[in-house]
Amino acid sequence: MSVEFIPNRVFYEPGALDYPLGKTLVERFLQMGVSVSATASHNRITGIPGNTAAVAYREAKRTLVIGVRRSKTFQSCKPSAHYQLPLVTSCPGMCEYCYLATTLGKKPYVRIYVNLAEILGIASSLIQERLPEITQFEGAATSDPVPVERYTGALKQTIEFFGREPNGRFRFVTKYTDIESLLDAKHEGHTRFRFSLNCSEIVKKYEHGTPPPEERIIASGKVLKADYPLGFIIAPIFRFEGWQEAYRRLMERTAEELTRRAPLGWSSEQLTLEFISHRYTAKAKATILEVFPNSTLPMQEDERKFKYGQFGYGKYIYQPEEMKEMKEFFQEQAKFYFPLAQVEYFI
């Protein structure tokens, strides 16, 4: 199942027309018959319809904003990278649990930035500042950059930029499978291409508008065959009736596909795995229940442990004994199916 992002409406900052990509995008969407309007700022969009929070949220997910990123600073991105690399903000997927519900709120429209050369220039300066160390950038901290790649080509350009940077490394994660244009990129092994996976029971229930896990697994095999460093984020992990068998099947199917597609000489020691258990903030819960009023996400505070987070707000996580059981289970599964893989963390 191909999940193609076609926006219902497009807004652009007039300054975006000063860049070739901005002009090209506006012309393309006009030719497609999409409604295109100017806006003063990519940070303050009015004109997204919706008389309820749920409708406004869905409409925001079908809204694309073309902007210029003016900030010269990149946010830190611990523990996975030194810096965020801001290519895109938000994504068209409608995952009920999305952690961006805390930061993007009820109108998470998709933003793309057309001043890519300037953004990569800042990245280059940051790499130079840290020489001779390797500097790592995360391209999906507040977004999924793949759904808009068919329009921008920014991800491929970024991958090839890092291919030319001896001391720069890039990583991003996606749930989407429209990755054909990236398979021939000159990545030089400097980009780690990661897929976010979950068992089909969770994807069907909560990850609206995203490809099923089978499609993601097949896409990951293509990425592996293209000789990219590969990784998987299994997240968010839920406890439900039969959760262990469901996640075991997911790991088994993934291992089977990678074994089938792996280039000669590949071993799982080149693979990274990240495991993230389900957690939520009070703010995220309030937003989630506004935009998904019938959500069945397990968000009962009396069943969770409250833990203070690094950004000044607390999260509700599973109980310590439940976390221990989950961590041990996934460590066992990783060791069995990917014996040499690097498990980066379980949180």
C-alpha atoms as a PDB file:
ATOM      1  CA  MET A   1       0.000   0.000   0.000  1.00  0.00           C
ATOM      2  CA  SER A   2       1.612   3.262  -1.110  1.00  0.00           C
ATOM      3  CA  VAL A   3       0.803   6.192   1.164  1.00  0.00           C
ATOM      4  CA  GLU A   4       1.316   9.319  -0.916  1.00  0.00           C
ATOM      5  CA  PHE A   5       1.086  12.769   0.633  1.00  0.00           C
ATOM      6  CA  ILE A   6      -0.944  15.166  -1.527  1.00  0.00           C
ATOM      7  CA  PRO A   7      -1.816  18.319   0.427  1.00  0.00           C
ATOM      8  CA  ASN A   8      -5.302  19.799   0.339  1.00  0.00           C
ATOM      9  CA  ARG A   9      -3.870  23.308   0.621  1.00  0.00           C
ATOM     10  CA  VAL A  10      -0.461  24.990   0.452  1.00  0.00           C
ATOM     11  CA  PHE A  11       0.739  28.211   2.059  1.00  0.00           C
ATOM     12  CA  TYR A  12       4.023  29.912   1.230  1.00  0.00           C
ATOM     13  CA  GLU A  13       6.035  32.751   2.696  1.00  0.00           C
ATOM     14  CA  PRO A  14       6.727  35.352  -0.027  1.00  0.00           C
ATOM     15  CA  GLY A  15      10.428  35.064   0.848  1.00  0.00           C
ATOM     16  CA  ALA A  16      10.344  31.427  -0.230  1.00  0.00           C
ATOM     17  CA  LEU A  17       9.999  32.629  -3.835  1.00  0.00           C
ATOM     18  CA  ASP A  18      13.545  34.036  -3.601  1.00  0.00           C
ATOM     19  CA  TYR A  19      14.784  30.431  -3.670  1.00  0.00           C
ATOM     20  CA  PRO A  20      14.557  28.188  -6.771  1.00  0.00           C
ATOM     21  CA  LEU A  21      12.936  25.374  -4.759  1.00  0.00           C
ATOM     22  CA  GLY A  22      10.272  27.738  -3.407  1.00  0.00           C
ATOM     23  CA  LYS A  23       9.331  28.899  -6.914  1.00  0.00           C
ATOM     24  CA  THR A  24       9.300  25.356  -8.242  1.00  0.00           C
ATOM     25  CA  LEU A  25       7.079  24.101  -5.433  1.00  0.00           C
ATOM     26  CA  VAL A  26       4.514  26.893  -5.767  1.00  0.00           C
ATOM     27  CA  GLU A  27       4.312  26.362  -9.541  1.00  0.00           C
ATOM     28  CA  ARG A  28       4.016  22.600  -9.130  1.00  0.00           C
ATOM     29  CA  PHE A  29       1.159  22.751  -6.644  1.00  0.00           C
ATOM     30  CA  LEU A  30      -0.698  25.296  -8.774  1.00  0.00           C
ATOM     31  CA  GLN A  31      -0.363  22.943 -11.747  1.00  0.00           C
ATOM     32  CA  MET A  32      -1.708  20.108  -9.561  1.00  0.00           C
ATOM     33  CA  GLY A  33      -4.793  22.207  -8.824  1.00  0.00           C
ATOM     34  CA  VAL A  34      -3.992  22.532  -5.126  1.00  0.00           C
ATOM     35  CA  SER A  35      -5.112  25.722  -3.364  1.00  0.00           C
ATOM     36  CA  VAL A  36      -2.018  27.923  -2.900  1.00  0.00           C
ATOM     37  CA  SER A  37      -1.969  31.084  -0.713  1.00  0.00           C
ATOM     38  CA  ALA A  38       0.646  33.490   0.617  1.00  0.00           C
ATOM     39  CA  THR A  39       1.207  33.758   4.369  1.00  0.00           C
ATOM     40  CA  ALA A  40       3.236  36.205   6.438  1.00  0.00           C
ATOM     41  CA  SER A  41       5.031  33.551   8.489  1.00  0.00           C
ATOM     42  CA  HIS A  42       5.430  29.784   8.431  1.00  0.00           C
ATOM     43  CA  ASN A  43       5.065  29.871  12.235  1.00  0.00           C
ATOM     44  CA  ARG A  44       1.568  31.409  12.297  1.00  0.00           C
ATOM     45  CA  ILE A  45      -0.868  29.889   9.836  1.00  0.00           C
ATOM     46  CA  THR A  46      -4.512  30.916   9.770  1.00  0.00           C
ATOM     47  CA  GLY A  47      -7.020  29.598   7.290  1.00  0.00           C
ATOM     48  CA  ILE A  48      -6.908  25.903   8.179  1.00  0.00           C
ATOM     49  CA  PRO A  49     -10.579  24.862   8.408  1.00  0.00           C
ATOM     50  CA  GLY A  50     -12.156  22.913  11.237  1.00  0.00           C
ATOM     51  CA  ASN A  51     -14.904  23.708  13.735  1.00  0.00           C
ATOM     52  CA  THR A  52     -13.690  21.068  16.199  1.00  0.00           C
ATOM     53  CA  ALA A  53     -10.189  20.192  17.407  1.00  0.00           C
ATOM     54  CA  ALA A  54     -10.442  16.788  15.718  1.00  0.00           C
ATOM     55  CA  VAL A  55     -11.357  18.244  12.308  1.00  0.00           C
ATOM     56  CA  ALA A  56      -8.761  21.040  12.567  1.00  0.00           C
ATOM     57  CA  TYR A  57      -6.092  18.466  13.388  1.00  0.00           C
ATOM     58  CA  ARG A  58      -6.952  16.307  10.350  1.00  0.00           C
ATOM     59  CA  GLU A  59      -6.998  19.354   8.094  1.00  0.00           C
ATOM     60  CA  ALA A  60      -3.646  20.546   9.469  1.00  0.00           C
ATOM     61  CA  LYS A  61      -2.161  17.181   8.548  1.00  0.00           C
ATOM     62  CA  ARG A  62      -3.226  17.854   4.941  1.00  0.00           C
ATOM     63  CA  THR A  63      -1.732  21.353   4.953  1.00  0.00           C
ATOM     64  CA  LEU A  64       1.745  22.096   3.604  1.00  0.00           C
ATOM     65  CA  VAL A  65       3.623  25.304   4.401  1.00  0.00           C
ATOM     66  CA  ILE A  66       6.641  26.383   2.338  1.00  0.00           C
ATOM     67  CA  GLY A  67       8.946  28.558   4.399  1.00  0.00           C
ATOM     68  CA  VAL A  68      12.437  29.901   4.985  1.00  0.00           C
ATOM     69  CA  ARG A  69      14.208  28.819   8.156  1.00  0.00           C
ATOM     70  CA  ARG A  70      15.834  31.959   9.493  1.00  0.00           C
ATOM     71  CA  SER A  71      17.323  30.733  12.763  1.00  0.00           C
ATOM     72  CA  LYS A  72      21.061  30.104  12.554  1.00  0.00           C
ATOM     73  CA  THR A  73      21.108  27.755  15.531  1.00  0.00           C
ATOM     74  CA  PHE A  74      20.338  24.045  15.644  1.00  0.00           C
ATOM     75  CA  GLN A  75      18.792  22.425  18.694  1.00  0.00           C
ATOM     76  CA  SER A  76      20.778  19.736  20.496  1.00  0.00           C
ATOM     77  CA  CYS A  77      19.536  16.183  20.040  1.00  0.00           C
ATOM     78  CA  LYS A  78      20.802  14.009  22.879  1.00  0.00           C
ATOM     79  CA  PRO A  79      21.337  11.105  23.185  1.00  0.00           C
ATOM     80  CA  SER A  80      21.036  10.146  19.514  1.00  0.00           C
ATOM     81  CA  ALA A  81      23.004  12.974  17.873  1.00  0.00           C
ATOM     82  CA  HIS A  82      24.822  16.229  18.533  1.00  0.00           C
ATOM     83  CA  TYR A  83      22.312  18.397  16.644  1.00  0.00           C
ATOM     84  CA  GLN A  84      18.914  18.336  15.006  1.00  0.00           C
ATOM     85  CA  LEU A  85      19.024  19.057  11.273  1.00  0.00           C
ATOM     86  CA  PRO A  86      15.814  20.977  10.475  1.00  0.00           C
ATOM     87  CA  LEU A  87      14.669  19.963   6.983  1.00  0.00           C
ATOM     88  CA  VAL A  88      10.960  19.515   7.747  1.00  0.00           C
ATOM     89  CA  THR A  89       8.589  19.988  10.680  1.00  0.00           C
ATOM     90  CA  SER A  90       5.738  17.544  11.402  1.00  0.00           C
ATOM     91  CA  CYS A  91       4.465  14.841   9.039  1.00  0.00           C
ATOM     92  CA  PRO A  92       1.171  13.802   7.420  1.00  0.00           C
ATOM     93  CA  GLY A  93       0.828  10.674   9.568  1.00  0.00           C
ATOM     94  CA  MET A  94      -1.801  10.704  12.297  1.00  0.00           C
ATOM     95  CA  CYS A  95      -0.364   8.479  14.999  1.00  0.00           C
ATOM     96  CA  GLU A  96      -2.489   8.890  18.106  1.00  0.00           C
ATOM     97  CA  TYR A  97       0.418   8.619  20.536  1.00  0.00           C
ATOM     98  CA  CYS A  98       2.760  11.003  18.634  1.00  0.00           C
ATOM     99  CA  TYR A  99       5.148  12.764  21.033  1.00  0.00           C
ATOM    100  CA  LEU A 100       4.871  15.888  18.871  1.00  0.00           C
ATOM    101  CA  ALA A 101       1.429  16.380  20.417  1.00  0.00           C
ATOM    102  CA  THR A 102       3.366  17.989  23.267  1.00  0.00           C
ATOM    103  CA  THR A 103       5.329  20.429  21.093  1.00  0.00           C
ATOM    104  CA  LEU A 104       3.231  21.042  17.968  1.00  0.00           C
ATOM    105  CA  GLY A 105      -0.195  21.100  19.619  1.00  0.00           C
ATOM    106  CA  LYS A 106      -3.529  20.690  17.859  1.00  0.00           C
ATOM    107  CA  LYS A 107      -2.584  22.066  14.430  1.00  0.00           C
ATOM    108  CA  PRO A 108       0.560  20.198  13.385  1.00  0.00           C
ATOM    109  CA  TYR A 109       0.727  21.352   9.759  1.00  0.00           C
ATOM    110  CA  VAL A 110       3.671  20.171   7.653  1.00  0.00           C
ATOM    111  CA  ARG A 111       6.458  22.716   7.077  1.00  0.00           C
ATOM    112  CA  ILE A 112       9.295  22.446   4.569  1.00  0.00           C
ATOM    113  CA  TYR A 113      12.240  24.840   4.328  1.00  0.00           C
ATOM    114  CA  VAL A 114      13.506  25.912   0.920  1.00  0.00           C
ATOM    115  CA  ASN A 115      16.829  27.461   1.992  1.00  0.00           C
ATOM    116  CA  LEU A 116      18.536  24.075   2.095  1.00  0.00           C
ATOM    117  CA  ALA A 117      21.967  25.399   1.063  1.00  0.00           C
ATOM    118  CA  GLU A 118      21.947  27.777   4.055  1.00  0.00           C
ATOM    119  CA  ILE A 119      20.853  25.015   6.433  1.00  0.00           C
ATOM    120  CA  LEU A 120      23.600  22.698   5.194  1.00  0.00           C
ATOM    121  CA  GLY A 121      26.072  25.590   5.422  1.00  0.00           C
ATOM    122  CA  ILE A 122      25.307  25.882   9.143  1.00  0.00           C
ATOM    123  CA  ALA A 123      25.798  22.121   9.475  1.00  0.00           C
ATOM    124  CA  SER A 124      29.165  22.433   7.736  1.00  0.00           C
ATOM    125  CA  SER A 125      30.270  25.148  10.182  1.00  0.00           C
ATOM    126  CA  LEU A 126      29.255  23.002  13.158  1.00  0.00           C
ATOM    127  CA  ILE A 127      31.252  20.094  11.760  1.00  0.00           C
ATOM    128  CA  GLN A 128      34.299  22.345  11.385  1.00  0.00           C
ATOM    129  CA  GLU A 129      33.947  23.605  14.963  1.00  0.00           C
ATOM    130  CA  ARG A 130      34.176  20.076  16.374  1.00  0.00           C
ATOM    131  CA  LEU A 131      37.087  18.790  14.281  1.00  0.00           C
ATOM    132  CA  PRO A 132      38.693  16.304  14.515  1.00  0.00           C
ATOM    133  CA  GLU A 133      35.628  14.740  16.162  1.00  0.00           C
ATOM    134  CA  ILE A 134      32.759  13.243  14.157  1.00  0.00           C
ATOM    135  CA  THR A 135      29.574  15.355  14.366  1.00  0.00           C
ATOM    136  CA  GLN A 136      26.235  13.565  14.177  1.00  0.00           C
ATOM    137  CA  PHE A 137      22.981  15.174  12.930  1.00  0.00           C
ATOM    138  CA  GLU A 138      19.423  13.877  13.343  1.00  0.00           C
ATOM    139  CA  GLY A 139      17.068  14.675  10.460  1.00  0.00           C
ATOM    140  CA  ALA A 140      13.788  13.477  11.984  1.00  0.00           C
ATOM    141  CA  ALA A 141      13.681  14.939  15.501  1.00  0.00           C
ATOM    142  CA  THR A 142      10.446  16.866  14.845  1.00  0.00           C
ATOM    143  CA  SER A 143       9.342  15.343  11.552  1.00  0.00           C
ATOM    144  CA  ASP A 144       9.300  12.477   9.106  1.00  0.00           C
ATOM    145  CA  PRO A 145      11.178  13.870   6.083  1.00  0.00           C
ATOM    146  CA  VAL A 146      10.249  11.096   3.619  1.00  0.00           C
ATOM    147  CA  PRO A 147       6.598  11.979   2.714  1.00  0.00           C
ATOM    148  CA  VAL A 148       7.610  15.364   1.212  1.00  0.00           C
ATOM    149  CA  GLU A 149      10.792  14.116  -0.457  1.00  0.00           C
ATOM    150  CA  ARG A 150       8.923  13.557  -3.758  1.00  0.00           C
ATOM    151  CA  TYR A 151       8.414  17.328  -3.877  1.00  0.00           C
ATOM    152  CA  THR A 152      11.656  18.722  -2.440  1.00  0.00           C
ATOM    153  CA  GLY A 153      14.473  16.253  -3.090  1.00  0.00           C
ATOM    154  CA  ALA A 154      16.018  17.750   0.066  1.00  0.00           C
ATOM    155  CA  LEU A 155      16.691  14.449   1.774  1.00  0.00           C
ATOM    156  CA  LYS A 156      18.719  13.095  -1.144  1.00  0.00           C
ATOM    157  CA  GLN A 157      20.721  16.332  -1.350  1.00  0.00           C
ATOM    158  CA  THR A 158      21.368  16.143   2.385  1.00  0.00           C
ATOM    159  CA  ILE A 159      22.471  12.518   2.209  1.00  0.00           C
ATOM    160  CA  GLU A 160      24.913  13.371  -0.588  1.00  0.00           C
ATOM    161  CA  PHE A 161      26.149  16.431   1.333  1.00  0.00           C
ATOM    162  CA  PHE A 162      27.083  14.173   4.249  1.00  0.00           C
ATOM    163  CA  GLY A 163      28.616  11.699   1.809  1.00  0.00           C
ATOM    164  CA  ARG A 164      31.138  14.432   1.009  1.00  0.00           C
ATOM    165  CA  GLU A 165      31.767  15.289   4.678  1.00  0.00           C
ATOM    166  CA  PRO A 166      34.497  13.080   6.186  1.00  0.00           C
ATOM    167  CA  ASN A 167      33.608  14.201   9.725  1.00  0.00           C
ATOM    168  CA  GLY A 168      29.839  14.556   9.343  1.00  0.00           C
ATOM    169  CA  ARG A 169      27.235  11.863   9.891  1.00  0.00           C
ATOM    170  CA  PHE A 170      23.500  11.966   9.302  1.00  0.00           C
ATOM    171  CA  ARG A 171      20.656   9.837  10.578  1.00  0.00           C
ATOM    172  CA  PHE A 172      16.905   9.970  10.212  1.00  0.00           C
ATOM    173  CA  VAL A 173      13.948   7.716  10.830  1.00  0.00           C
ATOM    174  CA  THR A 174      10.767   7.162   8.825  1.00  0.00           C
ATOM    175  CA  LYS A 175       7.545   5.176   8.809  1.00  0.00           C
ATOM    176  CA  TYR A 176       7.105   5.749   5.095  1.00  0.00           C
ATOM    177  CA  THR A 177       8.151   3.639   2.146  1.00  0.00           C
ATOM    178  CA  ASP A 178       8.429   6.058  -0.789  1.00  0.00           C
ATOM    179  CA  ILE A 179      12.204   5.703  -0.733  1.00  0.00           C
ATOM    180  CA  GLU A 180      13.093   4.725  -4.332  1.00  0.00           C
ATOM    181  CA  SER A 181      14.702   8.095  -5.116  1.00  0.00           C
ATOM    182  CA  LEU A 182      17.107   7.655  -2.181  1.00  0.00           C
ATOM    183  CA  LEU A 183      18.448   4.240  -3.133  1.00  0.00           C
ATOM    184  CA  ASP A 184      21.042   5.526  -5.610  1.00  0.00           C
ATOM    185  CA  ALA A 185      22.203   8.458  -3.450  1.00  0.00           C
ATOM    186  CA  LYS A 186      25.963   8.725  -2.972  1.00  0.00           C
ATOM    187  CA  HIS A 187      25.803   8.230   0.786  1.00  0.00           C
ATOM    188  CA  GLU A 188      29.319   6.790   1.288  1.00  0.00           C
ATOM    189  CA  GLY A 189      28.067   5.051   4.410  1.00  0.00           C
ATOM    190  CA  HIS A 190      27.691   8.369   6.250  1.00  0.00           C
ATOM    191  CA  THR A 191      23.876   8.256   6.619  1.00  0.00           C
ATOM    192  CA  ARG A 192      22.083   5.797   8.871  1.00  0.00           C
ATOM    193  CA  PHE A 193      18.642   5.109   7.396  1.00  0.00           C
ATOM    194  CA  ARG A 194      16.276   3.996  10.167  1.00  0.00           C
ATOM    195  CA  PHE A 195      12.714   2.710  10.106  1.00  0.00           C
ATOM    196  CA  SER A 196      10.178   3.051  12.884  1.00  0.00           C
ATOM    197  CA  LEU A 197       8.445  -0.288  13.348  1.00  0.00           C
ATOM    198  CA  ASN A 198       5.594  -1.590  15.435  1.00  0.00           C
ATOM    199  CA  CYS A 199       3.509  -4.735  15.407  1.00  0.00           C
ATOM    200  CA  SER A 200       0.480  -4.767  13.122  1.00  0.00           C
ATOM    201  CA  GLU A 201      -1.922  -4.762  16.095  1.00  0.00           C
ATOM    202  CA  ILE A 202      -0.627  -1.313  17.120  1.00  0.00           C
ATOM    203  CA  VAL A 203      -0.199   0.130  13.623  1.00  0.00           C
ATOM    204  CA  LYS A 204      -3.785  -0.716  12.637  1.00  0.00           C
ATOM    205  CA  LYS A 205      -5.168   0.759  15.826  1.00  0.00           C
ATOM    206  CA  TYR A 206      -3.114   3.906  16.322  1.00  0.00           C
ATOM    207  CA  GLU A 207      -0.877   4.780  13.351  1.00  0.00           C
ATOM    208  CA  HIS A 208      -3.421   6.270  10.932  1.00  0.00           C
ATOM    209  CA  GLY A 209      -2.247   7.226   7.459  1.00  0.00           C
ATOM    210  CA  THR A 210       1.008   5.255   7.569  1.00  0.00           C
ATOM    211  CA  PRO A 211       2.150   2.163   5.658  1.00  0.00           C
ATOM    212  CA  PRO A 212       1.703  -1.213   7.387  1.00  0.00           C
ATOM    213  CA  PRO A 213       4.742  -2.837   9.039  1.00  0.00           C
ATOM    214  CA  GLU A 214       5.159  -5.342   6.203  1.00  0.00           C
ATOM    215  CA  GLU A 215       5.689  -2.511   3.702  1.00  0.00           C
ATOM    216  CA  ARG A 216       8.229  -0.841   5.985  1.00  0.00           C
ATOM    217  CA  ILE A 217      10.125  -4.100   6.409  1.00  0.00           C
ATOM    218  CA  ILE A 218      10.278  -4.596   2.641  1.00  0.00           C
ATOM    219  CA  ALA A 219      11.499  -1.012   2.214  1.00  0.00           C
ATOM    220  CA  SER A 220      14.199  -1.602   4.836  1.00  0.00           C
ATOM    221  CA  GLY A 221      15.437  -4.547   2.778  1.00  0.00           C
ATOM    222  CA  LYS A 222      15.827  -2.247  -0.243  1.00  0.00           C
ATOM    223  CA  VAL A 223      17.758   0.247   1.882  1.00  0.00           C
ATOM    224  CA  LEU A 224      20.032  -2.518   3.127  1.00  0.00           C
ATOM    225  CA  LYS A 225      20.637  -3.695  -0.428  1.00  0.00           C
ATOM    226  CA  ALA A 226      21.626  -0.091  -1.298  1.00  0.00           C
ATOM    227  CA  ASP A 227      24.387  -0.514   1.314  1.00  0.00           C
ATOM    228  CA  TYR A 228      23.169   2.123   3.753  1.00  0.00           C
ATOM    229  CA  PRO A 229      23.889   1.679   7.445  1.00  0.00           C
ATOM    230  CA  LEU A 230      20.479   0.557   8.725  1.00  0.00           C
ATOM    231  CA  GLY A 231      18.611   0.883  11.980  1.00  0.00           C
ATOM    232  CA  PHE A 232      15.220   0.209  13.527  1.00  0.00           C
ATOM    233  CA  ILE A 233      13.304   2.000  16.234  1.00  0.00           C
ATOM    234  CA  ILE A 234      10.704  -0.281  17.784  1.00  0.00           C
ATOM    235  CA  ALA A 235       8.362   2.277  19.280  1.00  0.00           C
ATOM    236  CA  PRO A 236       6.281   2.924  21.138  1.00  0.00           C
ATOM    237  CA  ILE A 237       6.155  -0.493  22.773  1.00  0.00           C
ATOM    238  CA  PHE A 238       2.809  -1.305  24.383  1.00  0.00           C
ATOM    239  CA  ARG A 239       1.813  -4.039  26.774  1.00  0.00           C
ATOM    240  CA  PHE A 240      -1.406  -5.721  25.674  1.00  0.00           C
ATOM    241  CA  GLU A 241      -2.839  -9.232  25.544  1.00  0.00           C
ATOM    242  CA  GLY A 242      -0.306 -11.212  23.485  1.00  0.00           C
ATOM    243  CA  TRP A 243       2.261  -8.391  23.194  1.00  0.00           C
ATOM    244  CA  GLN A 244       5.266 -10.673  23.448  1.00  0.00           C
ATOM    245  CA  GLU A 245       4.209 -12.923  20.590  1.00  0.00           C
ATOM    246  CA  ALA A 246       3.219  -9.924  18.445  1.00  0.00           C
ATOM    247  CA  TYR A 247       6.621  -8.260  18.859  1.00  0.00           C
ATOM    248  CA  ARG A 248       8.447 -11.575  18.446  1.00  0.00           C
ATOM    249  CA  ARG A 249       6.745 -12.047  15.058  1.00  0.00           C
ATOM    250  CA  LEU A 250       7.752  -8.525  14.075  1.00  0.00           C
ATOM    251  CA  MET A 251      11.407  -9.212  14.881  1.00  0.00           C
ATOM    252  CA  GLU A 252      11.309 -12.582  13.127  1.00  0.00           C
ATOM    253  CA  ARG A 253       9.823 -11.149   9.924  1.00  0.00           C
ATOM    254  CA  THR A 254      12.327  -8.289   9.905  1.00  0.00           C
ATOM    255  CA  ALA A 255      15.264 -10.674  10.332  1.00  0.00           C
ATOM    256  CA  GLU A 256      13.930 -12.863   7.522  1.00  0.00           C
ATOM    257  CA  GLU A 257      13.706  -9.925   5.083  1.00  0.00           C
ATOM    258  CA  LEU A 258      17.154  -8.588   5.937  1.00  0.00           C
ATOM    259  CA  THR A 259      18.717 -12.039   5.530  1.00  0.00           C
ATOM    260  CA  ARG A 260      17.101 -12.285   2.094  1.00  0.00           C
ATOM    261  CA  ARG A 261      18.195  -8.827   0.928  1.00  0.00           C
ATOM    262  CA  ALA A 262      21.563  -8.398   2.617  1.00  0.00           C
ATOM    263  CA  PRO A 263      24.543  -7.660   0.367  1.00  0.00           C
ATOM    264  CA  LEU A 264      27.468 -10.066   0.437  1.00  0.00           C
ATOM    265  CA  GLY A 265      29.483  -9.776   3.621  1.00  0.00           C
ATOM    266  CA  TRP A 266      26.790  -7.983   5.631  1.00  0.00           C
ATOM    267  CA  SER A 267      26.323  -8.952   9.251  1.00  0.00           C
ATOM    268  CA  SER A 268      23.964  -7.687  11.924  1.00  0.00           C
ATOM    269  CA  GLU A 269      26.840  -5.943  13.714  1.00  0.00           C
ATOM    270  CA  GLN A 270      26.206  -3.080  11.258  1.00  0.00           C
ATOM    271  CA  LEU A 271      22.610  -2.753  12.494  1.00  0.00           C
ATOM    272  CA  THR A 272      21.368  -0.473  15.289  1.00  0.00           C
ATOM    273  CA  LEU A 273      18.255  -1.086  17.370  1.00  0.00           C
ATOM    274  CA  GLU A 274      16.403   1.374  19.590  1.00  0.00           C
ATOM    275  CA  PHE A 275      13.539   0.354  21.855  1.00  0.00           C
ATOM    276  CA  ILE A 276      11.167   2.938  23.330  1.00  0.00           C
ATOM    277  CA  SER A 277       8.295   2.019  25.622  1.00  0.00           C
ATOM    278  CA  HIS A 278       5.059   3.977  25.493  1.00  0.00           C
ATOM    279  CA  ARG A 279       5.018   7.121  27.627  1.00  0.00           C
ATOM    280  CA  TYR A 280       2.982  10.313  27.631  1.00  0.00           C
ATOM    281  CA  THR A 281       2.854  13.739  29.264  1.00  0.00           C
ATOM    282  CA  ALA A 282      -0.215  15.340  30.800  1.00  0.00           C
ATOM    283  CA  LYS A 283      -0.133  17.970  28.048  1.00  0.00           C
ATOM    284  CA  ALA A 284       0.080  15.327  25.318  1.00  0.00           C
ATOM    285  CA  LYS A 285      -2.816  13.388  26.831  1.00  0.00           C
ATOM    286  CA  ALA A 286      -5.018  16.481  26.844  1.00  0.00           C
ATOM    287  CA  THR A 287      -4.201  17.192  23.182  1.00  0.00           C
ATOM    288  CA  ILE A 288      -4.619  13.558  22.144  1.00  0.00           C
ATOM    289  CA  LEU A 289      -8.070  13.332  23.723  1.00  0.00           C
ATOM    290  CA  GLU A 290      -9.125  16.545  21.985  1.00  0.00           C
ATOM    291  CA  VAL A 291      -8.042  15.459  18.521  1.00  0.00           C
ATOM    292  CA  PHE A 292      -8.858  11.753  19.019  1.00  0.00           C
ATOM    293  CA  PRO A 293     -11.840  11.883  21.380  1.00  0.00           C
ATOM    294  CA  ASN A 294     -12.489   8.135  21.004  1.00  0.00           C
ATOM    295  CA  SER A 295      -8.866   7.090  21.529  1.00  0.00           C
ATOM    296  CA  THR A 296      -8.275   3.809  23.348  1.00  0.00           C
ATOM    297  CA  LEU A 297      -4.632   4.582  24.100  1.00  0.00           C
ATOM    298  CA  PRO A 298      -3.739   3.237  27.557  1.00  0.00           C
ATOM    299  CA  MET A 299      -3.293   6.496  29.473  1.00  0.00           C
ATOM    300  CA  GLN A 300      -4.433   5.707  33.009  1.00  0.00           C
ATOM    301  CA  GLU A 301      -2.172   7.582  35.411  1.00  0.00           C
ATOM    302  CA  ASP A 302      -2.849   5.191  38.319  1.00  0.00           C
ATOM    303  CA  GLU A 303      -1.355   2.355  36.263  1.00  0.00           C
ATOM    304  CA  ARG A 304       1.857   4.249  35.445  1.00  0.00           C
ATOM    305  CA  LYS A 305       4.888   5.677  37.207  1.00  0.00           C
ATOM    306  CA  PHE A 306       5.512   9.431  36.995  1.00  0.00           C
ATOM    307  CA  LYS A 307       9.039  10.348  35.934  1.00  0.00           C
ATOM    308  CA  TYR A 308      10.488  13.832  35.585  1.00  0.00           C
ATOM    309  CA  GLY A 309      11.904  14.484  32.114  1.00  0.00           C
ATOM    310  CA  GLN A 310      14.944  16.418  30.905  1.00  0.00           C
ATOM    311  CA  PHE A 311      12.853  19.246  29.404  1.00  0.00           C
ATOM    312  CA  GLY A 312      11.139  20.293  32.610  1.00  0.00           C
ATOM    313  CA  TYR A 313       7.960  18.269  32.355  1.00  0.00           C
ATOM    314  CA  GLY A 314       7.214  14.782  33.603  1.00  0.00           C
ATOM    315  CA  LYS A 315       6.114  11.650  31.778  1.00  0.00           C
ATOM    316  CA  TYR A 316       3.957   8.700  32.694  1.00  0.00           C
ATOM    317  CA  ILE A 317       5.869   5.503  31.991  1.00  0.00           C
ATOM    318  CA  TYR A 318       5.254   1.825  32.720  1.00  0.00           C
ATOM    319  CA  GLN A 319       5.884   0.534  36.239  1.00  0.00           C
ATOM    320  CA  PRO A 320       9.479  -0.526  37.079  1.00  0.00           C
ATOM    321  CA  GLU A 321       8.721  -4.264  37.107  1.00  0.00           C
ATOM    322  CA  GLU A 322       6.903  -3.963  33.764  1.00  0.00           C
ATOM    323  CA  MET A 323       9.812  -2.015  32.265  1.00  0.00           C
ATOM    324  CA  LYS A 324      12.249  -4.654  33.516  1.00  0.00           C
ATOM    325  CA  GLU A 325      10.236  -7.444  31.896  1.00  0.00           C
ATOM    326  CA  MET A 326       9.977  -5.544  28.598  1.00  0.00           C
ATOM    327  CA  LYS A 327      13.674  -4.697  28.524  1.00  0.00           C
ATOM    328  CA  GLU A 328      14.694  -8.301  29.169  1.00  0.00           C
ATOM    329  CA  PHE A 329      12.274  -9.553  26.512  1.00  0.00           C
ATOM    330  CA  PHE A 330      13.562  -7.217  23.803  1.00  0.00           C
ATOM    331  CA  GLN A 331      17.183  -7.864  24.707  1.00  0.00           C
ATOM    332  CA  GLU A 332      16.528 -11.590  24.263  1.00  0.00           C
ATOM    333  CA  GLN A 333      14.748 -11.050  20.944  1.00  0.00           C
ATOM    334  CA  ALA A 334      17.514  -8.796  19.648  1.00  0.00           C
ATOM    335  CA  LYS A 335      20.177 -11.325  20.617  1.00  0.00           C
ATOM    336  CA  PHE A 336      18.289 -14.170  18.950  1.00  0.00           C
ATOM    337  CA  TYR A 337      17.326 -12.474  15.673  1.00  0.00           C
ATOM    338  CA  PHE A 338      20.162  -9.942  15.326  1.00  0.00           C
ATOM    339  CA  PRO A 339      22.964 -11.415  17.458  1.00  0.00           C
ATOM    340  CA  LEU A 340      25.596  -8.803  16.590  1.00  0.00           C
ATOM    341  CA  ALA A 341      23.390  -5.714  16.366  1.00  0.00           C
ATOM    342  CA  GLN A 342      24.097  -2.683  18.534  1.00  0.00           C
ATOM    343  CA  VAL A 343      21.208  -2.074  20.920  1.00  0.00           C
ATOM    344  CA  GLU A 344      21.526   1.671  21.469  1.00  0.00           C
ATOM    345  CA  TYR A 345      19.031   1.894  24.305  1.00  0.00           C
ATOM    346  CA  PHE A 346      15.820   0.670  25.852  1.00  0.00           C
ATOM    347  CA  ILE A 347      13.824   3.449  27.503  1.00  0.00           C
END
